[in-house]
Amino acid sequence: MMILVTFVLCCLGLLALAYAKPKHHIAALGQNPGLARQRVLAILGWTTLSVAIWAAMQTVSDWAIGLVLWVGALSVGGIVVTLIMTYGPKADGVARNIIEGP
């Protein structure tokens, strides 16, 4: 169960870090983030990744294996976030075309 928590926290932390960048924030939400929002998202992202390390360490008894687990969850989470950021806006348009018709 804690492995899943580690993976979800890694995904959320990486999404927050991605949205902290103006380019990704504008592409996803359509508005330019203010400096305060960028800082809050960056702090939230790094904090979430730190909590993910703690969750990975609680999963196993050896800290080295927990760190390897965190790096693995971080890698897979990075792929998931990349796919969400790449195909998310396109999927929204496809879903809108299916619902509203051509």
Protein backbone atom coordinates (compact mmCIF):
# COMPACT_ATOMS: atom_id res chain seq x y z
CA MET A 1 0.00 0.00 0.00
CA MET A 2 2.81 2.41 0.82
CA ILE A 3 4.35 1.72 -2.59
CA LEU A 4 1.18 3.08 -4.20
CA VAL A 5 1.27 6.09 -1.86
CA THR A 6 4.89 6.71 -2.86
CA PHE A 7 3.99 6.55 -6.56
CA VAL A 8 0.99 8.89 -6.20
CA LEU A 9 3.02 11.38 -4.18
CA CYS A 10 5.76 11.34 -6.82
CA CYS A 11 3.21 12.00 -9.57
CA LEU A 12 1.58 14.84 -7.63
CA GLY A 13 4.94 16.40 -6.77
CA LEU A 14 6.12 16.29 -10.35
CA LEU A 15 2.83 17.75 -11.59
CA ALA A 16 3.16 20.61 -9.12
CA LEU A 17 6.71 21.26 -10.30
CA ALA A 18 5.57 21.17 -13.93
CA TYR A 19 2.74 23.65 -13.26
CA ALA A 20 5.24 25.91 -11.48
CA LYS A 21 6.79 26.58 -14.90
CA PRO A 22 4.90 29.30 -16.84
CA LYS A 23 5.07 27.42 -20.15
CA HIS A 24 3.32 24.33 -18.76
CA HIS A 25 0.92 26.35 -16.64
CA ILE A 26 -0.26 28.38 -19.64
CA ALA A 27 -0.58 25.25 -21.81
CA ALA A 28 -2.67 23.41 -19.23
CA LEU A 29 -4.72 26.16 -17.59
CA GLY A 30 -4.64 28.95 -20.17
CA GLN A 31 -3.38 31.67 -17.85
CA ASN A 32 -0.02 33.00 -16.79
CA PRO A 33 0.81 32.08 -13.18
CA GLY A 34 1.88 34.87 -10.89
CA LEU A 35 5.19 34.79 -9.09
CA ALA A 36 3.49 33.84 -5.81
CA ARG A 37 1.67 30.90 -7.43
CA GLN A 38 4.91 29.71 -9.03
CA ARG A 39 6.66 29.72 -5.67
CA VAL A 40 3.77 27.98 -3.90
CA LEU A 41 3.63 25.26 -6.57
CA ALA A 42 7.41 24.77 -6.45
CA ILE A 43 7.43 24.50 -2.66
CA LEU A 44 4.43 22.16 -2.76
CA GLY A 45 6.14 19.98 -5.38
CA TRP A 46 9.40 19.64 -3.49
CA THR A 47 7.59 19.03 -0.20
CA THR A 48 5.47 16.33 -1.79
CA LEU A 49 8.57 14.63 -3.20
CA SER A 50 10.16 14.78 0.25
CA VAL A 51 7.11 13.12 1.78
CA ALA A 52 7.34 10.50 -0.96
CA ILE A 53 10.88 9.67 0.20
CA TRP A 54 9.56 9.21 3.72
CA ALA A 55 6.76 6.94 2.44
CA ALA A 56 9.28 4.85 0.49
CA MET A 57 11.47 4.50 3.57
CA GLN A 58 8.47 3.28 5.60
CA THR A 59 7.75 0.56 3.04
CA VAL A 60 10.93 -1.44 3.65
CA SER A 61 13.25 -1.92 6.60
CA ASP A 62 16.48 -0.95 4.79
CA TRP A 63 16.88 2.71 3.87
CA ALA A 64 18.90 1.92 0.72
CA ILE A 65 16.11 -0.23 -0.73
CA GLY A 66 13.60 2.49 0.17
CA LEU A 67 15.68 5.02 -1.72
CA VAL A 68 15.82 2.74 -4.77
CA LEU A 69 12.04 2.32 -4.52
CA TRP A 70 11.62 6.10 -4.44
CA VAL A 71 13.85 6.58 -7.49
CA GLY A 72 11.85 3.93 -9.35
CA ALA A 73 8.53 5.56 -8.41
CA LEU A 74 9.98 8.93 -9.40
CA SER A 75 11.02 7.59 -12.81
CA VAL A 76 7.65 6.00 -13.56
CA GLY A 77 5.89 9.09 -12.19
CA GLY A 78 7.95 11.25 -14.53
CA ILE A 79 6.80 9.18 -17.49
CA VAL A 80 3.17 9.42 -16.35
CA VAL A 81 3.39 13.20 -15.90
CA THR A 82 5.05 13.56 -19.30
CA LEU A 83 2.22 11.61 -20.92
CA ILE A 84 -0.39 13.67 -19.07
CA MET A 85 1.24 16.96 -20.08
CA THR A 86 1.68 15.81 -23.70
CA TYR A 87 -1.61 14.09 -24.45
CA GLY A 88 -3.90 15.66 -21.83
CA PRO A 89 -4.89 18.72 -23.88
CA LYS A 90 -5.39 16.57 -26.99
CA ALA A 91 -7.54 14.10 -25.04
CA ASP A 92 -9.71 17.00 -23.88
CA GLY A 93 -10.38 17.99 -27.48
CA VAL A 94 -11.17 14.40 -28.46
CA ALA A 95 -13.55 14.00 -25.53
CA ARG A 96 -15.26 17.29 -26.40
CA ASN A 97 -15.71 16.13 -30.03
CA ILE A 98 -17.21 12.83 -28.86
CA ILE A 99 -19.64 14.57 -26.50
CA GLU A 100 -20.63 17.50 -28.72
CA GLY A 101 -20.30 15.80 -32.10
CA PRO A 102 -18.25 16.95 -35.11
